[in-house]
PDB file of N, CA and C in Angstrom:
ATOM      1  N   MET A   1      29.321  43.501 -11.066  1.00  0.00           N
ATOM      2  CA  MET A   1      28.636  44.429 -11.253  1.00  0.00           C
ATOM      3  C   MET A   1      29.595  45.719 -11.019  1.00  0.00           C
ATOM      4  N   SER A   2      29.511  46.823 -12.381  1.00  0.00           N
ATOM      5  CA  SER A   2      30.183  47.986 -12.181  1.00  0.00           C
ATOM      6  C   SER A   2      29.302  48.957 -11.243  1.00  0.00           C
ATOM      7  N   ALA A   3      30.362  49.879 -10.324  1.00  0.00           N
ATOM      8  CA  ALA A   3      29.728  50.467  -9.576  1.00  0.00           C
ATOM      9  C   ALA A   3      28.287  51.995 -10.263  1.00  0.00           C
ATOM     10  N   ASP A   4      28.933  52.061 -11.503  1.00  0.00           N
ATOM     11  CA  ASP A   4      28.068  53.025 -12.276  1.00  0.00           C
ATOM     12  C   ASP A   4      26.481  52.239 -12.381  1.00  0.00           C
ATOM     13  N   ARG A   5      26.614  50.819 -12.166  1.00  0.00           N
ATOM     14  CA  ARG A   5      24.754  50.220 -12.133  1.00  0.00           C
ATOM     15  C   ARG A   5      23.984  50.444 -11.085  1.00  0.00           C
ATOM     16  N   ASN A   6      24.915  50.576  -9.847  1.00  0.00           N
ATOM     17  CA  ASN A   6      24.435  50.472  -8.279  1.00  0.00           C
ATOM     18  C   ASN A   6      24.042  51.750  -8.221  1.00  0.00           C
ATOM     19  N   LYS A   7      23.842  52.617  -8.755  1.00  0.00           N
ATOM     20  CA  LYS A   7      23.072  54.058  -8.171  1.00  0.00           C
ATOM     21  C   LYS A   7      21.631  54.095  -8.707  1.00  0.00           C
ATOM     22  N   ILE A   8      21.245  54.942  -7.897  1.00  0.00           N
ATOM     23  CA  ILE A   8      20.251  55.114  -7.776  1.00  0.00           C
ATOM     24  C   ILE A   8      19.809  56.623  -7.610  1.00  0.00           C
ATOM     25  N   LEU A   9      18.647  57.728  -8.272  1.00  0.00           N
ATOM     26  CA  LEU A   9      18.332  59.152  -8.340  1.00  0.00           C
ATOM     27  C   LEU A   9      17.191  59.430  -7.132  1.00  0.00           C
ATOM     28  N   LEU A  10      17.610  59.463  -6.002  1.00  0.00           N
ATOM     29  CA  LEU A  10      17.019  59.716  -4.410  1.00  0.00           C
ATOM     30  C   LEU A  10      16.861  60.911  -4.272  1.00  0.00           C
ATOM     31  N   HIS A  11      15.535  61.831  -4.473  1.00  0.00           N
ATOM     32  CA  HIS A  11      15.320  63.182  -3.973  1.00  0.00           C
ATOM     33  C   HIS A  11      16.454  64.166  -4.799  1.00  0.00           C
ATOM     34  N   GLY A  12      16.834  63.800  -6.042  1.00  0.00           N
ATOM     35  CA  GLY A  12      17.376  64.486  -6.878  1.00  0.00           C
ATOM     36  C   GLY A  12      19.074  64.214  -6.735  1.00  0.00           C
ATOM     37  N   VAL A  13      19.310  63.623  -5.624  1.00  0.00           N
ATOM     38  CA  VAL A  13      20.697  62.925  -5.539  1.00  0.00           C
ATOM     39  C   VAL A  13      21.046  61.960  -5.894  1.00  0.00           C
ATOM     40  N   GLU A  14      22.514  61.620  -6.479  1.00  0.00           N
ATOM     41  CA  GLU A  14      22.760  60.160  -7.423  1.00  0.00           C
ATOM     42  C   GLU A  14      23.030  59.591  -5.711  1.00  0.00           C
ATOM     43  N   VAL A  15      22.998  58.367  -5.658  1.00  0.00           N
ATOM     44  CA  VAL A  15      23.054  57.520  -4.367  1.00  0.00           C
ATOM     45  C   VAL A  15      23.668  56.089  -5.071  1.00  0.00           C
ATOM     46  N   GLU A  16      24.823  55.800  -4.338  1.00  0.00           N
ATOM     47  CA  GLU A  16      25.419  54.605  -4.521  1.00  0.00           C
ATOM     48  C   GLU A  16      24.630  53.332  -4.039  1.00  0.00           C
ATOM     49  N   VAL A  17      24.051  52.176  -3.825  1.00  0.00           N
ATOM     50  CA  VAL A  17      23.269  51.528  -3.745  1.00  0.00           C
ATOM     51  C   VAL A  17      24.149  49.775  -3.426  1.00  0.00           C
ATOM     52  N   ASN A  18      24.430  49.491  -2.327  1.00  0.00           N
ATOM     53  CA  ASN A  18      24.911  47.878  -2.405  1.00  0.00           C
ATOM     54  C   ASN A  18      23.683  47.023  -2.484  1.00  0.00           C
ATOM     55  N   GLY A  19      23.941  46.554  -3.067  1.00  0.00           N
ATOM     56  CA  GLY A  19      22.212  45.196  -3.175  1.00  0.00           C
ATOM     57  C   GLY A  19      22.779  44.202  -2.355  1.00  0.00           C
ATOM     58  N   THR A  20      23.784  44.001  -1.800  1.00  0.00           N
ATOM     59  CA  THR A  20      24.271  42.654  -1.104  1.00  0.00           C
ATOM     60  C   THR A  20      23.711  43.498   0.519  1.00  0.00           C
ATOM     61  N   LEU A  21      24.017  44.283   0.609  1.00  0.00           N
ATOM     62  CA  LEU A  21      23.432  44.765   1.693  1.00  0.00           C
ATOM     63  C   LEU A  21      22.029  45.391   2.296  1.00  0.00           C
ATOM     64  N   LEU A  22      21.655  45.904   0.574  1.00  0.00           N
ATOM     65  CA  LEU A  22      20.058  46.422   0.387  1.00  0.00           C
ATOM     66  C   LEU A  22      19.433  44.767   1.110  1.00  0.00           C
ATOM     67  N   PHE A  23      20.043  43.844   0.491  1.00  0.00           N
ATOM     68  CA  PHE A  23      19.395  42.360   0.991  1.00  0.00           C
ATOM     69  C   PHE A  23      19.511  41.891   1.977  1.00  0.00           C
ATOM     70  N   LEU A  24      20.636  41.813   2.683  1.00  0.00           N
ATOM     71  CA  LEU A  24      20.506  41.421   4.153  1.00  0.00           C
ATOM     72  C   LEU A  24      20.072  42.601   5.210  1.00  0.00           C
ATOM     73  N   ARG A  25      19.983  43.825   4.918  1.00  0.00           N
ATOM     74  CA  ARG A  25      18.882  44.476   5.711  1.00  0.00           C
ATOM     75  C   ARG A  25      17.601  44.042   5.195  1.00  0.00           C
ATOM     76  N   VAL A  26      17.075  44.055   4.423  1.00  0.00           N
ATOM     77  CA  VAL A  26      15.410  43.376   3.967  1.00  0.00           C
ATOM     78  C   VAL A  26      15.439  41.967   4.860  1.00  0.00           C
ATOM     79  N   THR A  27      15.920  41.356   4.965  1.00  0.00           N
ATOM     80  CA  THR A  27      16.043  39.581   5.537  1.00  0.00           C
ATOM     81  C   THR A  27      15.983  39.855   6.638  1.00  0.00           C
ATOM     82  N   CYS A  28      16.698  40.867   7.865  1.00  0.00           N
ATOM     83  CA  CYS A  28      17.064  41.056   8.545  1.00  0.00           C
ATOM     84  C   CYS A  28      15.399  41.796   9.468  1.00  0.00           C
ATOM     85  N   VAL A  29      14.648  42.004   8.674  1.00  0.00           N
ATOM     86  CA  VAL A  29      13.756  42.953   9.119  1.00  0.00           C
ATOM     87  C   VAL A  29      12.186  41.405   8.983  1.00  0.00           C
ATOM     88  N   ILE A  30      12.526  40.414   8.423  1.00  0.00           N
ATOM     89  CA  ILE A  30      11.500  39.486   8.216  1.00  0.00           C
ATOM     90  C   ILE A  30      11.218  38.783   9.620  1.00  0.00           C
ATOM     91  N   ASN A  31      10.224  38.854  10.058  1.00  0.00           N
ATOM     92  CA  ASN A  31       9.941  37.991  11.528  1.00  0.00           C
ATOM     93  C   ASN A  31      10.053  36.380  11.182  1.00  0.00           C
ATOM     94  N   ASP A  32       9.212  35.846  10.116  1.00  0.00           N
ATOM     95  CA  ASP A  32       8.721  34.851  10.070  1.00  0.00           C
ATOM     96  C   ASP A  32       8.577  34.396   8.120  1.00  0.00           C
ATOM     97  N   ASN A  33       8.150  33.069   8.208  1.00  0.00           N
ATOM     98  CA  ASN A  33       8.291  32.711   6.808  1.00  0.00           C
ATOM     99  C   ASN A  33       6.957  33.356   6.102  1.00  0.00           C
ATOM    100  N   ALA A  34       5.998  33.687   6.972  1.00  0.00           N
ATOM    101  CA  ALA A  34       4.590  34.147   6.338  1.00  0.00           C
ATOM    102  C   ALA A  34       5.162  35.288   5.733  1.00  0.00           C
ATOM    103  N   GLU A  35       5.930  36.222   6.313  1.00  0.00           N
ATOM    104  CA  GLU A  35       6.708  37.916   5.647  1.00  0.00           C
ATOM    105  C   GLU A  35       7.159  37.819   4.917  1.00  0.00           C
ATOM    106  N   MET A  36       7.989  36.831   4.481  1.00  0.00           N
ATOM    107  CA  MET A  36       9.232  36.494   3.522  1.00  0.00           C
ATOM    108  C   MET A  36       8.849  36.694   2.191  1.00  0.00           C
ATOM    109  N   GLU A  37       7.317  36.117   1.886  1.00  0.00           N
ATOM    110  CA  GLU A  37       7.214  36.582   0.091  1.00  0.00           C
ATOM    111  C   GLU A  37       6.758  38.334  -0.099  1.00  0.00           C
ATOM    112  N   GLY A  38       6.098  38.389   0.721  1.00  0.00           N
ATOM    113  CA  GLY A  38       5.677  39.906   0.822  1.00  0.00           C
ATOM    114  C   GLY A  38       7.025  40.770   0.758  1.00  0.00           C
ATOM    115  N   HIS A  39       8.195  40.641   1.436  1.00  0.00           N
ATOM    116  CA  HIS A  39       9.162  41.424   1.125  1.00  0.00           C
ATOM    117  C   HIS A  39       9.992  41.096  -0.147  1.00  0.00           C
ATOM    118  N   LEU A  40      10.521  39.969  -0.154  1.00  0.00           N
ATOM    119  CA  LEU A  40      10.912  39.164  -1.494  1.00  0.00           C
ATOM    120  C   LEU A  40      10.008  39.504  -2.845  1.00  0.00           C
ATOM    121  N   ARG A  41       9.165  39.931  -2.892  1.00  0.00           N
ATOM    122  CA  ARG A  41       8.207  39.806  -4.007  1.00  0.00           C
ATOM    123  C   ARG A  41       9.002  40.883  -5.296  1.00  0.00           C
ATOM    124  N   HIS A  42       9.468  41.620  -4.940  1.00  0.00           N
ATOM    125  CA  HIS A  42      10.137  42.423  -6.139  1.00  0.00           C
ATOM    126  C   HIS A  42      11.843  41.956  -6.418  1.00  0.00           C
ATOM    127  N   GLU A  43      11.811  42.305  -7.611  1.00  0.00           N
ATOM    128  CA  GLU A  43      13.768  42.191  -7.719  1.00  0.00           C
ATOM    129  C   GLU A  43      14.331  43.384  -7.686  1.00  0.00           C
ATOM    130  N   PHE A  44      15.542  42.781  -6.612  1.00  0.00           N
ATOM    131  CA  PHE A  44      16.583  43.859  -6.530  1.00  0.00           C
ATOM    132  C   PHE A  44      17.047  44.301  -7.302  1.00  0.00           C
ATOM    133  N   ALA A  45      16.579  45.094  -8.431  1.00  0.00           N
ATOM    134  CA  ALA A  45      16.931  45.527  -9.557  1.00  0.00           C
ATOM    135  C   ALA A  45      16.890  46.945  -9.979  1.00  0.00           C
ATOM    136  N   LYS A  46      18.001  48.057 -10.874  1.00  0.00           N
ATOM    137  CA  LYS A  46      17.507  49.053 -11.322  1.00  0.00           C
ATOM    138  C   LYS A  46      16.453  49.128 -12.337  1.00  0.00           C
ATOM    139  N   GLN A  47      16.774  48.167 -12.995  1.00  0.00           N
ATOM    140  CA  GLN A  47      15.687  47.657 -14.078  1.00  0.00           C
ATOM    141  C   GLN A  47      15.423  46.362 -14.205  1.00  0.00           C
ATOM    142  N   PRO A  48      14.011  46.269 -14.664  1.00  0.00           N
ATOM    143  CA  PRO A  48      13.525  44.910 -14.438  1.00  0.00           C
ATOM    144  C   PRO A  48      14.098  43.885 -15.736  1.00  0.00           C
ATOM    145  N   PRO A  49      14.878  43.107 -15.185  1.00  0.00           N
ATOM    146  CA  PRO A  49      15.164  42.166 -16.478  1.00  0.00           C
ATOM    147  C   PRO A  49      14.638  41.710 -17.475  1.00  0.00           C
ATOM    148  N   ALA A  50      13.363  41.669 -16.810  1.00  0.00           N
ATOM    149  CA  ALA A  50      12.298  40.766 -17.982  1.00  0.00           C
ATOM    150  C   ALA A  50      11.956  42.158 -18.841  1.00  0.00           C
ATOM    151  N   LEU A  51      12.382  43.489 -18.828  1.00  0.00           N
ATOM    152  CA  LEU A  51      12.104  44.197 -19.609  1.00  0.00           C
ATOM    153  C   LEU A  51      13.205  45.018 -20.675  1.00  0.00           C
ATOM    154  N   PHE A  52      14.185  44.446 -19.802  1.00  0.00           N
ATOM    155  CA  PHE A  52      16.094  45.216 -20.477  1.00  0.00           C
ATOM    156  C   PHE A  52      16.685  44.198 -20.664  1.00  0.00           C
ATOM    157  N   ASP A  53      17.354  44.395 -21.385  1.00  0.00           N
ATOM    158  CA  ASP A  53      18.709  43.199 -21.731  1.00  0.00           C
ATOM    159  C   ASP A  53      19.770  44.229 -22.107  1.00  0.00           C
ATOM    160  N   LYS A  54      20.965  43.872 -21.101  1.00  0.00           N
ATOM    161  CA  LYS A  54      22.167  44.735 -21.112  1.00  0.00           C
ATOM    162  C   LYS A  54      22.026  46.592 -21.411  1.00  0.00           C
ATOM    163  N   GLY A  55      20.755  46.812 -20.464  1.00  0.00           N
ATOM    164  CA  GLY A  55      20.499  48.160 -20.289  1.00  0.00           C
ATOM    165  C   GLY A  55      19.878  48.743 -21.269  1.00  0.00           C
ATOM    166  N   VAL A  56      19.321  48.149 -22.122  1.00  0.00           N
ATOM    167  CA  VAL A  56      18.704  48.639 -23.136  1.00  0.00           C
ATOM    168  C   VAL A  56      17.080  47.575 -23.319  1.00  0.00           C
ATOM    169  N   MET A  57      16.202  48.362 -23.576  1.00  0.00           N
ATOM    170  CA  MET A  57      14.811  47.718 -23.443  1.00  0.00           C
ATOM    171  C   MET A  57      14.540  46.785 -24.480  1.00  0.00           C
ATOM    172  N   ARG A  58      14.031  45.752 -24.009  1.00  0.00           N
ATOM    173  CA  ARG A  58      14.018  44.533 -25.131  1.00  0.00           C
ATOM    174  C   ARG A  58      12.855  45.002 -26.204  1.00  0.00           C
ATOM    175  N   LYS A  59      13.116  44.562 -27.426  1.00  0.00           N
ATOM    176  CA  LYS A  59      11.932  45.102 -28.519  1.00  0.00           C
ATOM    177  C   LYS A  59      10.797  43.617 -27.984  1.00  0.00           C
ATOM    178  N   ASN A  60       9.619  44.749 -28.590  1.00  0.00           N
ATOM    179  CA  ASN A  60       8.686  43.989 -28.874  1.00  0.00           C
ATOM    180  C   ASN A  60       7.553  43.790 -29.993  1.00  0.00           C
ATOM    181  N   THR A  61       6.249  42.858 -29.517  1.00  0.00           N
ATOM    182  CA  THR A  61       6.121  42.894 -31.209  1.00  0.00           C
ATOM    183  C   THR A  61       4.510  43.286 -30.460  1.00  0.00           C
ATOM    184  N   LYS A  62       4.629  44.570 -31.339  1.00  0.00           N
ATOM    185  CA  LYS A  62       3.225  44.790 -31.586  1.00  0.00           C
ATOM    186  C   LYS A  62       2.100  44.507 -31.817  1.00  0.00           C
ATOM    187  N   SER A  63       2.461  43.373 -32.600  1.00  0.00           N
ATOM    188  CA  SER A  63       1.300  42.397 -32.879  1.00  0.00           C
ATOM    189  C   SER A  63       0.596  41.494 -31.244  1.00  0.00           C
ATOM    190  N   ASP A  64       1.812  41.153 -30.552  1.00  0.00           N
ATOM    191  CA  ASP A  64       1.473  40.281 -29.733  1.00  0.00           C
ATOM    192  C   ASP A  64       0.614  41.269 -28.245  1.00  0.00           C
ATOM    193  N   LEU A  65       1.529  42.320 -28.490  1.00  0.00           N
ATOM    194  CA  LEU A  65       0.240  43.432 -27.551  1.00  0.00           C
ATOM    195  C   LEU A  65      -1.125  43.347 -27.674  1.00  0.00           C
ATOM    196  N   ALA A  66      -1.246  43.846 -29.202  1.00  0.00           N
ATOM    197  CA  ALA A  66      -2.656  44.330 -29.140  1.00  0.00           C
ATOM    198  C   ALA A  66      -3.612  42.973 -29.505  1.00  0.00           C
ATOM    199  N   ARG A  67      -2.828  41.490 -29.517  1.00  0.00           N
ATOM    200  CA  ARG A  67      -4.130  40.439 -29.286  1.00  0.00           C
ATOM    201  C   ARG A  67      -4.257  40.057 -28.112  1.00  0.00           C
ATOM    202  N   VAL A  68      -3.240  40.333 -26.941  1.00  0.00           N
ATOM    203  CA  VAL A  68      -3.841  40.622 -25.208  1.00  0.00           C
ATOM    204  C   VAL A  68      -4.490  41.428 -25.023  1.00  0.00           C
ATOM    205  N   LEU A  69      -4.408  42.845 -25.609  1.00  0.00           N
ATOM    206  CA  LEU A  69      -5.471  43.881 -25.529  1.00  0.00           C
ATOM    207  C   LEU A  69      -6.770  43.496 -25.706  1.00  0.00           C
ATOM    208  N   LYS A  70      -6.928  42.796 -27.228  1.00  0.00           N
ATOM    209  CA  LYS A  70      -7.919  42.462 -27.629  1.00  0.00           C
ATOM    210  C   LYS A  70      -8.787  41.603 -26.639  1.00  0.00           C
ATOM    211  N   SER A  71      -8.256  40.289 -26.258  1.00  0.00           N
ATOM    212  CA  SER A  71      -8.888  39.642 -25.578  1.00  0.00           C
ATOM    213  C   SER A  71      -9.055  39.818 -24.094  1.00  0.00           C
ATOM    214  N   LYS A  72      -8.982  40.869 -23.616  1.00  0.00           N
ATOM    215  CA  LYS A  72      -9.038  41.557 -21.985  1.00  0.00           C
ATOM    216  C   LYS A  72     -10.014  42.290 -22.167  1.00  0.00           C
ATOM    217  N   VAL A  73     -10.524  42.870 -23.630  1.00  0.00           N
ATOM    218  CA  VAL A  73     -11.525  44.231 -23.869  1.00  0.00           C
ATOM    219  C   VAL A  73     -12.472  43.407 -24.583  1.00  0.00           C
ATOM    220  N   SER A  74     -13.831  44.120 -23.846  1.00  0.00           N
ATOM    221  CA  SER A  74     -15.036  43.787 -24.540  1.00  0.00           C
ATOM    222  C   SER A  74     -15.078  45.444 -25.799  1.00  0.00           C
ATOM    223  N   VAL A  75     -15.585  45.309 -26.750  1.00  0.00           N
ATOM    224  CA  VAL A  75     -16.030  46.284 -27.705  1.00  0.00           C
ATOM    225  C   VAL A  75     -16.976  46.325 -27.789  1.00  0.00           C
ATOM    226  N   HIS A  76     -17.573  47.496 -27.345  1.00  0.00           N
ATOM    227  CA  HIS A  76     -19.398  47.765 -27.253  1.00  0.00           C
ATOM    228  C   HIS A  76     -19.506  49.243 -27.988  1.00  0.00           C
ATOM    229  N   CYS A  77     -20.224  49.338 -29.125  1.00  0.00           N
ATOM    230  CA  CYS A  77     -20.409  50.714 -30.218  1.00  0.00           C
ATOM    231  C   CYS A  77     -21.886  50.709 -29.849  1.00  0.00           C
ATOM    232  N   PRO A  78     -21.850  52.086 -28.926  1.00  0.00           N
ATOM    233  CA  PRO A  78     -23.277  52.480 -29.022  1.00  0.00           C
ATOM    234  C   PRO A  78     -23.617  52.912 -30.921  1.00  0.00           C
ATOM    235  N   SER A  79     -25.106  52.538 -31.150  1.00  0.00           N
ATOM    236  CA  SER A  79     -25.787  52.807 -32.380  1.00  0.00           C
ATOM    237  C   SER A  79     -25.594  54.549 -32.264  1.00  0.00           C
ATOM    238  N   GLN A  80     -25.124  55.092 -33.351  1.00  0.00           N
ATOM    239  CA  GLN A  80     -25.315  56.318 -33.805  1.00  0.00           C
ATOM    240  C   GLN A  80     -26.642  56.721 -34.113  1.00  0.00           C
ATOM    241  N   PRO A  81     -26.947  58.071 -33.726  1.00  0.00           N
ATOM    242  CA  PRO A  81     -28.051  58.575 -33.875  1.00  0.00           C
ATOM    243  C   PRO A  81     -28.247  58.800 -35.687  1.00  0.00           C
ATOM    244  N   SER A  82     -29.414  58.303 -36.119  1.00  0.00           N
ATOM    245  CA  SER A  82     -28.836  58.634 -37.894  1.00  0.00           C
ATOM    246  C   SER A  82     -29.201  60.706 -37.986  1.00  0.00           C
ATOM    247  N   SER A  83     -28.599  60.685 -39.050  1.00  0.00           N
ATOM    248  CA  SER A  83     -29.294  62.311 -39.298  1.00  0.00           C
ATOM    249  C   SER A  83     -30.176  62.694 -40.452  1.00  0.00           C
TER     250      SER A  83
END
């Protein structure tokens, strides 16, 4: 990885992050296997790989999003008073 991809903005200051060192420090604070899942739940990436491809946000299909939203929400239309 190039060094420019390992920088984050922290309190308005750009800071270089060593991913290997960060991983080693996280694993040092784990006391037992039960804690491992909680500490390693998130990916150590500046941008989540599931959402981005080569630094550009992946294209989505809006109809897929609409289908998921419609499956999770029930529509209830209250009756309108007649004029």
